[in-house]
Amino acid sequence: MRRNNVKIFVGIFVFGLIGFSHVYLRMQCVDEDYALNDLRGKIKKASLLNKELKADKAKLLSVKNLRSYAKRYKLKVPEREQIIVIKDNAKTTGQSKSHTSI
């Protein structure tokens, strides 16, 4: 009789331990899901901000805007002698890039 009581106690203990482990792991999954959703929200906001900044950059660098700056600050097209071309041999792409400097 005593042996059956020990077996029942061990069975209940193991079953309880498995149940507790399941609940604990499920709670951890829920916590990780909240963290993941938070990161997804931050990525979405950063992506939206990036798009807005790219649009602002495109607007500021538009030909119309640059011409208005040139007119406002009395800038003119540089003379041929003022333009210096610097060649950069990019080893990673195997292509040469030209940069213009005034």
PDB file of N, CA and C in Angstrom:
ATOM      1  N   MET A   1       0.812  -1.187   0.000  1.00  0.00           N
ATOM      2  CA  MET A   1       0.000   0.000   0.000  1.00  0.00           C
ATOM      3  C   MET A   1       0.866   1.266   0.000  1.00  0.00           C
ATOM      4  N   ARG A   2       1.905   1.234   0.790  1.00  0.00           N
ATOM      5  CA  ARG A   2       2.779   2.391   0.884  1.00  0.00           C
ATOM      6  C   ARG A   2       3.481   2.649  -0.446  1.00  0.00           C
ATOM      7  N   ARG A   3       3.807   1.584  -1.138  1.00  0.00           N
ATOM      8  CA  ARG A   3       4.486   1.721  -2.421  1.00  0.00           C
ATOM      9  C   ARG A   3       3.574   2.399  -3.455  1.00  0.00           C
ATOM     10  N   ASN A   4       2.294   2.085  -3.427  1.00  0.00           N
ATOM     11  CA  ASN A   4       1.332   2.712  -4.335  1.00  0.00           C
ATOM     12  C   ASN A   4       1.188   4.205  -4.039  1.00  0.00           C
ATOM     13  N   ASN A   5       1.224   4.559  -2.763  1.00  0.00           N
ATOM     14  CA  ASN A   5       1.145   5.975  -2.389  1.00  0.00           C
ATOM     15  C   ASN A   5       2.345   6.756  -2.928  1.00  0.00           C
ATOM     16  N   VAL A   6       3.523   6.166  -2.877  1.00  0.00           N
ATOM     17  CA  VAL A   6       4.730   6.824  -3.398  1.00  0.00           C
ATOM     18  C   VAL A   6       4.621   6.992  -4.899  1.00  0.00           C
ATOM     19  N   LYS A   7       4.131   5.962  -5.589  1.00  0.00           N
ATOM     20  CA  LYS A   7       3.969   6.042  -7.040  1.00  0.00           C
ATOM     21  C   LYS A   7       2.956   7.121  -7.408  1.00  0.00           C
ATOM     22  N   ILE A   8       1.872   7.190  -6.664  1.00  0.00           N
ATOM     23  CA  ILE A   8       0.856   8.218  -6.926  1.00  0.00           C
ATOM     24  C   ILE A   8       1.439   9.609  -6.671  1.00  0.00           C
ATOM     25  N   PHE A   9       2.160   9.747  -5.564  1.00  0.00           N
ATOM     26  CA  PHE A   9       2.776  11.037  -5.245  1.00  0.00           C
ATOM     27  C   PHE A   9       3.767  11.449  -6.335  1.00  0.00           C
ATOM     28  N   VAL A  10       4.624  10.527  -6.776  1.00  0.00           N
ATOM     29  CA  VAL A  10       5.598  10.832  -7.835  1.00  0.00           C
ATOM     30  C   VAL A  10       4.871  11.176  -9.129  1.00  0.00           C
ATOM     31  N   GLY A  11       3.808  10.450  -9.454  1.00  0.00           N
ATOM     32  CA  GLY A  11       3.038  10.734 -10.665  1.00  0.00           C
ATOM     33  C   GLY A  11       2.415  12.119 -10.628  1.00  0.00           C
ATOM     34  N   ILE A  12       1.821  12.449  -9.492  1.00  0.00           N
ATOM     35  CA  ILE A  12       1.213  13.780  -9.343  1.00  0.00           C
ATOM     36  C   ILE A  12       2.283  14.861  -9.403  1.00  0.00           C
ATOM     37  N   PHE A  13       3.419  14.629  -8.769  1.00  0.00           N
ATOM     38  CA  PHE A  13       4.506  15.603  -8.784  1.00  0.00           C
ATOM     39  C   PHE A  13       5.019  15.832 -10.206  1.00  0.00           C
ATOM     40  N   VAL A  14       5.242  14.737 -10.947  1.00  0.00           N
ATOM     41  CA  VAL A  14       5.729  14.851 -12.327  1.00  0.00           C
ATOM     42  C   VAL A  14       4.689  15.550 -13.195  1.00  0.00           C
ATOM     43  N   PHE A  15       3.426  15.167 -13.039  1.00  0.00           N
ATOM     44  CA  PHE A  15       2.357  15.802 -13.806  1.00  0.00           C
ATOM     45  C   PHE A  15       2.281  17.303 -13.482  1.00  0.00           C
ATOM     46  N   GLY A  16       2.396  17.660 -12.218  1.00  0.00           N
ATOM     47  CA  GLY A  16       2.384  19.066 -11.804  1.00  0.00           C
ATOM     48  C   GLY A  16       3.581  19.818 -12.354  1.00  0.00           C
ATOM     49  N   LEU A  17       4.729  19.169 -12.326  1.00  0.00           N
ATOM     50  CA  LEU A  17       5.942  19.799 -12.852  1.00  0.00           C
ATOM     51  C   LEU A  17       5.818  20.046 -14.350  1.00  0.00           C
ATOM     52  N   ILE A  18       5.270  19.087 -15.066  1.00  0.00           N
ATOM     53  CA  ILE A  18       5.061  19.257 -16.511  1.00  0.00           C
ATOM     54  C   ILE A  18       4.050  20.376 -16.767  1.00  0.00           C
ATOM     55  N   GLY A  19       2.981  20.405 -15.984  1.00  0.00           N
ATOM     56  CA  GLY A  19       1.980  21.469 -16.130  1.00  0.00           C
ATOM     57  C   GLY A  19       2.559  22.839 -15.842  1.00  0.00           C
ATOM     58  N   PHE A  20       3.328  22.943 -14.760  1.00  0.00           N
ATOM     59  CA  PHE A  20       3.968  24.217 -14.419  1.00  0.00           C
ATOM     60  C   PHE A  20       4.939  24.645 -15.516  1.00  0.00           C
ATOM     61  N   SER A  21       5.717  23.702 -16.027  1.00  0.00           N
ATOM     62  CA  SER A  21       6.670  24.008 -17.092  1.00  0.00           C
ATOM     63  C   SER A  21       5.952  24.508 -18.338  1.00  0.00           C
ATOM     64  N   HIS A  22       4.841  23.869 -18.658  1.00  0.00           N
ATOM     65  CA  HIS A  22       4.071  24.290 -19.826  1.00  0.00           C
ATOM     66  C   HIS A  22       3.560  25.725 -19.657  1.00  0.00           C
ATOM     67  N   VAL A  23       2.999  26.031 -18.503  1.00  0.00           N
ATOM     68  CA  VAL A  23       2.485  27.379 -18.241  1.00  0.00           C
ATOM     69  C   VAL A  23       3.624  28.396 -18.281  1.00  0.00           C
ATOM     70  N   TYR A  24       4.755  28.067 -17.655  1.00  0.00           N
ATOM     71  CA  TYR A  24       5.897  28.983 -17.638  1.00  0.00           C
ATOM     72  C   TYR A  24       6.414  29.250 -19.054  1.00  0.00           C
ATOM     73  N   LEU A  25       6.562  28.201 -19.842  1.00  0.00           N
ATOM     74  CA  LEU A  25       7.056  28.377 -21.211  1.00  0.00           C
ATOM     75  C   LEU A  25       6.063  29.157 -22.065  1.00  0.00           C
ATOM     76  N   ARG A  26       4.790  28.948 -21.854  1.00  0.00           N
ATOM     77  CA  ARG A  26       3.773  29.702 -22.590  1.00  0.00           C
ATOM     78  C   ARG A  26       3.841  31.186 -22.232  1.00  0.00           C
ATOM     79  N   MET A  27       4.048  31.488 -20.961  1.00  0.00           N
ATOM     80  CA  MET A  27       4.196  32.885 -20.541  1.00  0.00           C
ATOM     81  C   MET A  27       5.425  33.514 -21.181  1.00  0.00           C
ATOM     82  N   GLN A  28       6.506  32.761 -21.262  1.00  0.00           N
ATOM     83  CA  GLN A  28       7.715  33.270 -21.903  1.00  0.00           C
ATOM     84  C   GLN A  28       7.471  33.544 -23.390  1.00  0.00           C
ATOM     85  N   CYS A  29       6.720  32.672 -24.048  1.00  0.00           N
ATOM     86  CA  CYS A  29       6.390  32.883 -25.462  1.00  0.00           C
ATOM     87  C   CYS A  29       5.564  34.154 -25.648  1.00  0.00           C
ATOM     88  N   VAL A  30       4.617  34.377 -24.748  1.00  0.00           N
ATOM     89  CA  VAL A  30       3.794  35.586 -24.830  1.00  0.00           C
ATOM     90  C   VAL A  30       4.651  36.831 -24.623  1.00  0.00           C
ATOM     91  N   ASP A  31       5.557  36.791 -23.650  1.00  0.00           N
ATOM     92  CA  ASP A  31       6.455  37.927 -23.422  1.00  0.00           C
ATOM     93  C   ASP A  31       7.320  38.209 -24.650  1.00  0.00           C
ATOM     94  N   GLU A  32       7.848  37.157 -25.253  1.00  0.00           N
ATOM     95  CA  GLU A  32       8.680  37.332 -26.452  1.00  0.00           C
ATOM     96  C   GLU A  32       7.857  37.864 -27.621  1.00  0.00           C
ATOM     97  N   ASP A  33       6.609  37.451 -27.704  1.00  0.00           N
ATOM     98  CA  ASP A  33       5.734  37.946 -28.756  1.00  0.00           C
ATOM     99  C   ASP A  33       5.475  39.440 -28.589  1.00  0.00           C
ATOM    100  N   TYR A  34       5.259  39.872 -27.340  1.00  0.00           N
ATOM    101  CA  TYR A  34       5.097  41.308 -27.081  1.00  0.00           C
ATOM    102  C   TYR A  34       6.350  42.076 -27.497  1.00  0.00           C
ATOM    103  N   ALA A  35       7.514  41.554 -27.140  1.00  0.00           N
ATOM    104  CA  ALA A  35       8.769  42.220 -27.504  1.00  0.00           C
ATOM    105  C   ALA A  35       8.937  42.268 -29.019  1.00  0.00           C
ATOM    106  N   LEU A  36       8.589  41.179 -29.690  1.00  0.00           N
ATOM    107  CA  LEU A  36       8.700  41.126 -31.149  1.00  0.00           C
ATOM    108  C   LEU A  36       7.759  42.128 -31.808  1.00  0.00           C
ATOM    109  N   ASN A  37       6.540  42.219 -31.317  1.00  0.00           N
ATOM    110  CA  ASN A  37       5.588  43.190 -31.864  1.00  0.00           C
ATOM    111  C   ASN A  37       6.052  44.616 -31.623  1.00  0.00           C
ATOM    112  N   ASP A  38       6.662  44.871 -30.476  1.00  0.00           N
ATOM    113  CA  ASP A  38       7.218  46.188 -30.189  1.00  0.00           C
ATOM    114  C   ASP A  38       8.318  46.538 -31.185  1.00  0.00           C
ATOM    115  N   LEU A  39       9.202  45.587 -31.460  1.00  0.00           N
ATOM    116  CA  LEU A  39      10.271  45.821 -32.431  1.00  0.00           C
ATOM    117  C   LEU A  39       9.713  46.034 -33.835  1.00  0.00           C
ATOM    118  N   ARG A  40       8.692  45.278 -34.190  1.00  0.00           N
ATOM    119  CA  ARG A  40       8.071  45.470 -35.505  1.00  0.00           C
ATOM    120  C   ARG A  40       7.487  46.868 -35.630  1.00  0.00           C
ATOM    121  N   GLY A  41       6.870  47.360 -34.559  1.00  0.00           N
ATOM    122  CA  GLY A  41       6.330  48.717 -34.568  1.00  0.00           C
ATOM    123  C   GLY A  41       7.423  49.754 -34.727  1.00  0.00           C
ATOM    124  N   LYS A  42       8.530  49.554 -34.027  1.00  0.00           N
ATOM    125  CA  LYS A  42       9.655  50.491 -34.154  1.00  0.00           C
ATOM    126  C   LYS A  42      10.233  50.462 -35.558  1.00  0.00           C
ATOM    127  N   ILE A  43      10.328  49.274 -36.150  1.00  0.00           N
ATOM    128  CA  ILE A  43      10.837  49.159 -37.523  1.00  0.00           C
ATOM    129  C   ILE A  43       9.903  49.873 -38.490  1.00  0.00           C
ATOM    130  N   LYS A  44       8.596  49.724 -38.279  1.00  0.00           N
ATOM    131  CA  LYS A  44       7.618  50.382 -39.144  1.00  0.00           C
ATOM    132  C   LYS A  44       7.753  51.903 -39.058  1.00  0.00           C
ATOM    133  N   LYS A  45       7.893  52.421 -37.821  1.00  0.00           N
ATOM    134  CA  LYS A  45       8.059  53.864 -37.638  1.00  0.00           C
ATOM    135  C   LYS A  45       9.350  54.357 -38.279  1.00  0.00           C
ATOM    136  N   ALA A  46      10.440  53.602 -38.099  1.00  0.00           N
ATOM    137  CA  ALA A  46      11.720  53.996 -38.683  1.00  0.00           C
ATOM    138  C   ALA A  46      11.661  53.959 -40.206  1.00  0.00           C
ATOM    139  N   SER A  47      10.967  52.994 -40.754  1.00  0.00           N
ATOM    140  CA  SER A  47      10.819  52.894 -42.209  1.00  0.00           C
ATOM    141  C   SER A  47      10.031  54.079 -42.749  1.00  0.00           C
ATOM    142  N   LEU A  48       8.968  54.442 -42.049  1.00  0.00           N
ATOM    143  CA  LEU A  48       8.169  55.595 -42.458  1.00  0.00           C
ATOM    144  C   LEU A  48       8.993  56.877 -42.376  1.00  0.00           C
ATOM    145  N   LEU A  49       9.741  57.041 -41.302  1.00  0.00           N
ATOM    146  CA  LEU A  49      10.601  58.213 -41.166  1.00  0.00           C
ATOM    147  C   LEU A  49      11.647  58.248 -42.269  1.00  0.00           C
ATOM    148  N   ASN A  50      12.215  57.088 -42.610  1.00  0.00           N
ATOM    149  CA  ASN A  50      13.203  57.006 -43.674  1.00  0.00           C
ATOM    150  C   ASN A  50      12.608  57.451 -45.006  1.00  0.00           C
ATOM    151  N   LYS A  51      11.379  57.018 -45.294  1.00  0.00           N
ATOM    152  CA  LYS A  51      10.712  57.433 -46.534  1.00  0.00           C
ATOM    153  C   LYS A  51      10.485  58.938 -46.555  1.00  0.00           C
ATOM    154  N   GLU A  52      10.057  59.494 -45.407  1.00  0.00           N
ATOM    155  CA  GLU A  52       9.832  60.936 -45.333  1.00  0.00           C
ATOM    156  C   GLU A  52      11.134  61.704 -45.541  1.00  0.00           C
ATOM    157  N   LEU A  53      12.214  61.226 -44.936  1.00  0.00           N
ATOM    158  CA  LEU A  53      13.505  61.898 -45.089  1.00  0.00           C
ATOM    159  C   LEU A  53      14.022  61.813 -46.523  1.00  0.00           C
ATOM    160  N   LYS A  54      13.795  60.673 -47.168  1.00  0.00           N
ATOM    161  CA  LYS A  54      14.188  60.547 -48.576  1.00  0.00           C
ATOM    162  C   LYS A  54      13.394  61.511 -49.452  1.00  0.00           C
ATOM    163  N   ALA A  55      12.114  61.669 -49.146  1.00  0.00           N
ATOM    164  CA  ALA A  55      11.288  62.607 -49.905  1.00  0.00           C
ATOM    165  C   ALA A  55      11.772  64.040 -49.687  1.00  0.00           C
ATOM    166  N   ASP A  56      12.104  64.376 -48.435  1.00  0.00           N
ATOM    167  CA  ASP A  56      12.639  65.715 -48.155  1.00  0.00           C
ATOM    168  C   ASP A  56      13.956  65.947 -48.879  1.00  0.00           C
ATOM    169  N   LYS A  57      14.814  64.942 -48.888  1.00  0.00           N
ATOM    170  CA  LYS A  57      16.100  65.050 -49.578  1.00  0.00           C
ATOM    171  C   LYS A  57      15.892  65.270 -51.073  1.00  0.00           C
ATOM    172  N   ALA A  58      14.981  64.502 -51.653  1.00  0.00           N
ATOM    173  CA  ALA A  58      14.701  64.651 -53.083  1.00  0.00           C
ATOM    174  C   ALA A  58      14.165  66.043 -53.385  1.00  0.00           C
ATOM    175  N   LYS A  59      13.321  66.546 -52.489  1.00  0.00           N
ATOM    176  CA  LYS A  59      12.766  67.895 -52.689  1.00  0.00           C
ATOM    177  C   LYS A  59      13.879  68.944 -52.601  1.00  0.00           C
ATOM    178  N   LEU A  60      14.748  68.809 -51.604  1.00  0.00           N
ATOM    179  CA  LEU A  60      15.823  69.789 -51.440  1.00  0.00           C
ATOM    180  C   LEU A  60      16.847  69.739 -52.572  1.00  0.00           C
ATOM    181  N   LEU A  61      17.045  68.562 -53.141  1.00  0.00           N
ATOM    182  CA  LEU A  61      18.026  68.421 -54.216  1.00  0.00           C
ATOM    183  C   LEU A  61      17.397  68.492 -55.600  1.00  0.00           C
ATOM    184  N   SER A  62      16.146  68.906 -55.682  1.00  0.00           N
ATOM    185  CA  SER A  62      15.496  69.017 -56.986  1.00  0.00           C
ATOM    186  C   SER A  62      16.151  70.126 -57.796  1.00  0.00           C
ATOM    187  N   VAL A  63      16.094  69.992 -59.097  1.00  0.00           N
ATOM    188  CA  VAL A  63      16.721  70.971 -59.992  1.00  0.00           C
ATOM    189  C   VAL A  63      16.123  72.348 -59.764  1.00  0.00           C
ATOM    190  N   LYS A  64      14.811  72.397 -59.607  1.00  0.00           N
ATOM    191  CA  LYS A  64      14.131  73.683 -59.383  1.00  0.00           C
ATOM    192  C   LYS A  64      14.646  74.361 -58.112  1.00  0.00           C
ATOM    193  N   ASN A  65      14.764  73.592 -57.051  1.00  0.00           N
ATOM    194  CA  ASN A  65      15.217  74.138 -55.776  1.00  0.00           C
ATOM    195  C   ASN A  65      16.688  74.572 -55.859  1.00  0.00           C
ATOM    196  N   LEU A  66      17.517  73.737 -56.485  1.00  0.00           N
ATOM    197  CA  LEU A  66      18.939  74.087 -56.604  1.00  0.00           C
ATOM    198  C   LEU A  66      19.130  75.338 -57.459  1.00  0.00           C
ATOM    199  N   ARG A  67      18.326  75.480 -58.492  1.00  0.00           N
ATOM    200  CA  ARG A  67      18.429  76.691 -59.329  1.00  0.00           C
ATOM    201  C   ARG A  67      18.011  77.934 -58.537  1.00  0.00           C
ATOM    202  N   SER A  68      17.004  77.788 -57.673  1.00  0.00           N
ATOM    203  CA  SER A  68      16.596  78.949 -56.875  1.00  0.00           C
ATOM    204  C   SER A  68      17.700  79.328 -55.879  1.00  0.00           C
ATOM    205  N   TYR A  69      18.389  78.313 -55.309  1.00  0.00           N
ATOM    206  CA  TYR A  69      19.527  78.614 -54.434  1.00  0.00           C
ATOM    207  C   TYR A  69      20.643  79.302 -55.210  1.00  0.00           C
ATOM    208  N   ALA A  70      20.924  78.808 -56.392  1.00  0.00           N
ATOM    209  CA  ALA A  70      21.982  79.404 -57.214  1.00  0.00           C
ATOM    210  C   ALA A  70      21.646  80.850 -57.552  1.00  0.00           C
ATOM    211  N   LYS A  71      20.395  81.106 -57.871  1.00  0.00           N
ATOM    212  CA  LYS A  71      19.982  82.475 -58.200  1.00  0.00           C
ATOM    213  C   LYS A  71      20.065  83.368 -56.964  1.00  0.00           C
ATOM    214  N   ARG A  72      19.620  82.844 -55.815  1.00  0.00           N
ATOM    215  CA  ARG A  72      19.624  83.620 -54.576  1.00  0.00           C
ATOM    216  C   ARG A  72      21.044  83.994 -54.158  1.00  0.00           C
ATOM    217  N   TYR A  73      21.986  83.063 -54.314  1.00  0.00           N
ATOM    218  CA  TYR A  73      23.366  83.306 -53.885  1.00  0.00           C
ATOM    219  C   TYR A  73      24.285  83.717 -55.036  1.00  0.00           C
ATOM    220  N   LYS A  74      23.673  84.033 -56.176  1.00  0.00           N
ATOM    221  CA  LYS A  74      24.403  84.536 -57.351  1.00  0.00           C
ATOM    222  C   LYS A  74      25.528  83.584 -57.764  1.00  0.00           C
ATOM    223  N   LEU A  75      25.181  82.311 -57.856  1.00  0.00           N
ATOM    224  CA  LEU A  75      26.141  81.311 -58.304  1.00  0.00           C
ATOM    225  C   LEU A  75      25.997  81.116 -59.804  1.00  0.00           C
ATOM    226  N   LYS A  76      27.087  80.698 -60.442  1.00  0.00           N
ATOM    227  CA  LYS A  76      27.030  80.437 -61.872  1.00  0.00           C
ATOM    228  C   LYS A  76      27.711  79.105 -62.156  1.00  0.00           C
ATOM    229  N   VAL A  77      27.545  78.616 -63.345  1.00  0.00           N
ATOM    230  CA  VAL A  77      28.152  77.353 -63.747  1.00  0.00           C
ATOM    231  C   VAL A  77      29.669  77.539 -63.751  1.00  0.00           C
ATOM    232  N   PRO A  78      30.432  76.596 -63.191  1.00  0.00           N
ATOM    233  CA  PRO A  78      31.883  76.759 -63.151  1.00  0.00           C
ATOM    234  C   PRO A  78      32.502  76.693 -64.553  1.00  0.00           C
ATOM    235  N   GLU A  79      33.599  77.406 -64.691  1.00  0.00           N
ATOM    236  CA  GLU A  79      34.340  77.372 -65.953  1.00  0.00           C
ATOM    237  C   GLU A  79      35.012  76.010 -66.089  1.00  0.00           C
ATOM    238  N   ARG A  80      35.400  75.671 -67.309  1.00  0.00           N
ATOM    239  CA  ARG A  80      36.014  74.381 -67.579  1.00  0.00           C
ATOM    240  C   ARG A  80      37.293  74.188 -66.763  1.00  0.00           C
ATOM    241  N   GLU A  81      38.050  75.234 -66.536  1.00  0.00           N
ATOM    242  CA  GLU A  81      39.309  75.153 -65.783  1.00  0.00           C
ATOM    243  C   GLU A  81      39.074  74.919 -64.289  1.00  0.00           C
ATOM    244  N   GLN A  82      37.882  75.236 -63.813  1.00  0.00           N
ATOM    245  CA  GLN A  82      37.575  75.096 -62.397  1.00  0.00           C
ATOM    246  C   GLN A  82      37.161  73.668 -62.016  1.00  0.00           C
ATOM    247  N   ILE A  83      36.865  72.847 -63.004  1.00  0.00           N
ATOM    248  CA  ILE A  83      36.380  71.498 -62.736  1.00  0.00           C
ATOM    249  C   ILE A  83      37.556  70.533 -62.692  1.00  0.00           C
ATOM    250  N   ILE A  84      37.660  69.796 -61.604  1.00  0.00           N
ATOM    251  CA  ILE A  84      38.710  68.794 -61.422  1.00  0.00           C
ATOM    252  C   ILE A  84      38.034  67.431 -61.308  1.00  0.00           C
ATOM    253  N   VAL A  85      38.469  66.474 -62.128  1.00  0.00           N
ATOM    254  CA  VAL A  85      37.901  65.132 -62.095  1.00  0.00           C
ATOM    255  C   VAL A  85      38.870  64.219 -61.345  1.00  0.00           C
ATOM    256  N   ILE A  86      38.361  63.563 -60.306  1.00  0.00           N
ATOM    257  CA  ILE A  86      39.169  62.644 -59.508  1.00  0.00           C
ATOM    258  C   ILE A  86      38.657  61.245 -59.775  1.00  0.00           C
ATOM    259  N   LYS A  87      39.526  60.371 -60.269  1.00  0.00           N
ATOM    260  CA  LYS A  87      39.119  58.995 -60.554  1.00  0.00           C
ATOM    261  C   LYS A  87      39.424  58.130 -59.347  1.00  0.00           C
ATOM    262  N   ASP A  88      38.448  57.314 -58.997  1.00  0.00           N
ATOM    263  CA  ASP A  88      38.578  56.413 -57.863  1.00  0.00           C
ATOM    264  C   ASP A  88      38.424  54.997 -58.382  1.00  0.00           C
ATOM    265  N   ASN A  89      39.492  54.216 -58.336  1.00  0.00           N
ATOM    266  CA  ASN A  89      39.422  52.834 -58.796  1.00  0.00           C
ATOM    267  C   ASN A  89      38.900  51.980 -57.659  1.00  0.00           C
ATOM    268  N   ALA A  90      37.627  51.658 -57.747  1.00  0.00           N
ATOM    269  CA  ALA A  90      36.991  50.847 -56.702  1.00  0.00           C
ATOM    270  C   ALA A  90      37.363  49.389 -56.920  1.00  0.00           C
ATOM    271  N   LYS A  91      38.010  48.787 -55.932  1.00  0.00           N
ATOM    272  CA  LYS A  91      38.456  47.404 -56.046  1.00  0.00           C
ATOM    273  C   LYS A  91      37.323  46.425 -55.826  1.00  0.00           C
ATOM    274  N   THR A  92      36.304  46.833 -55.074  1.00  0.00           N
ATOM    275  CA  THR A  92      35.217  45.895 -54.772  1.00  0.00           C
ATOM    276  C   THR A  92      34.312  45.677 -55.975  1.00  0.00           C
ATOM    277  N   THR A  93      34.068  46.716 -56.761  1.00  0.00           N
ATOM    278  CA  THR A  93      33.157  46.570 -57.888  1.00  0.00           C
ATOM    279  C   THR A  93      33.912  46.374 -59.196  1.00  0.00           C
ATOM    280  N   GLY A  94      35.169  46.753 -59.229  1.00  0.00           N
ATOM    281  CA  GLY A  94      35.936  46.627 -60.455  1.00  0.00           C
ATOM    282  C   GLY A  94      35.637  47.737 -61.440  1.00  0.00           C
ATOM    283  N   GLN A  95      34.847  48.723 -61.038  1.00  0.00           N
ATOM    284  CA  GLN A  95      34.506  49.835 -61.910  1.00  0.00           C
ATOM    285  C   GLN A  95      35.139  51.097 -61.359  1.00  0.00           C
ATOM    286  N   SER A  96      35.453  52.019 -62.242  1.00  0.00           N
ATOM    287  CA  SER A  96      36.013  53.287 -61.785  1.00  0.00           C
ATOM    288  C   SER A  96      34.892  54.287 -61.661  1.00  0.00           C
ATOM    289  N   LYS A  97      35.002  55.121 -60.660  1.00  0.00           N
ATOM    290  CA  LYS A  97      34.011  56.151 -60.414  1.00  0.00           C
ATOM    291  C   LYS A  97      34.689  57.503 -60.592  1.00  0.00           C
ATOM    292  N   SER A  98      33.975  58.428 -61.190  1.00  0.00           N
ATOM    293  CA  SER A  98      34.503  59.771 -61.352  1.00  0.00           C
ATOM    294  C   SER A  98      33.799  60.696 -60.396  1.00  0.00           C
ATOM    295  N   HIS A  99      34.571  61.524 -59.715  1.00  0.00           N
ATOM    296  CA  HIS A  99      34.015  62.511 -58.809  1.00  0.00           C
ATOM    297  C   HIS A  99      34.431  63.884 -59.329  1.00  0.00           C
ATOM    298  N   THR A 100      33.526  64.816 -59.293  1.00  0.00           N
ATOM    299  CA  THR A 100      33.829  66.156 -59.749  1.00  0.00           C
ATOM    300  C   THR A 100      33.965  67.063 -58.541  1.00  0.00           C
ATOM    301  N   SER A 101      35.016  67.860 -58.571  1.00  0.00           N
ATOM    302  CA  SER A 101      35.255  68.785 -57.475  1.00  0.00           C
ATOM    303  C   SER A 101      35.514  70.155 -58.045  1.00  0.00           C
ATOM    304  N   ILE A 102      35.069  71.170 -57.349  1.00  0.00           N
ATOM    305  CA  ILE A 102      35.258  72.546 -57.800  1.00  0.00           C
ATOM    306  C   ILE A 102      36.269  73.220 -56.901  1.00  0.00           C
TER     307      ILE A 102
END
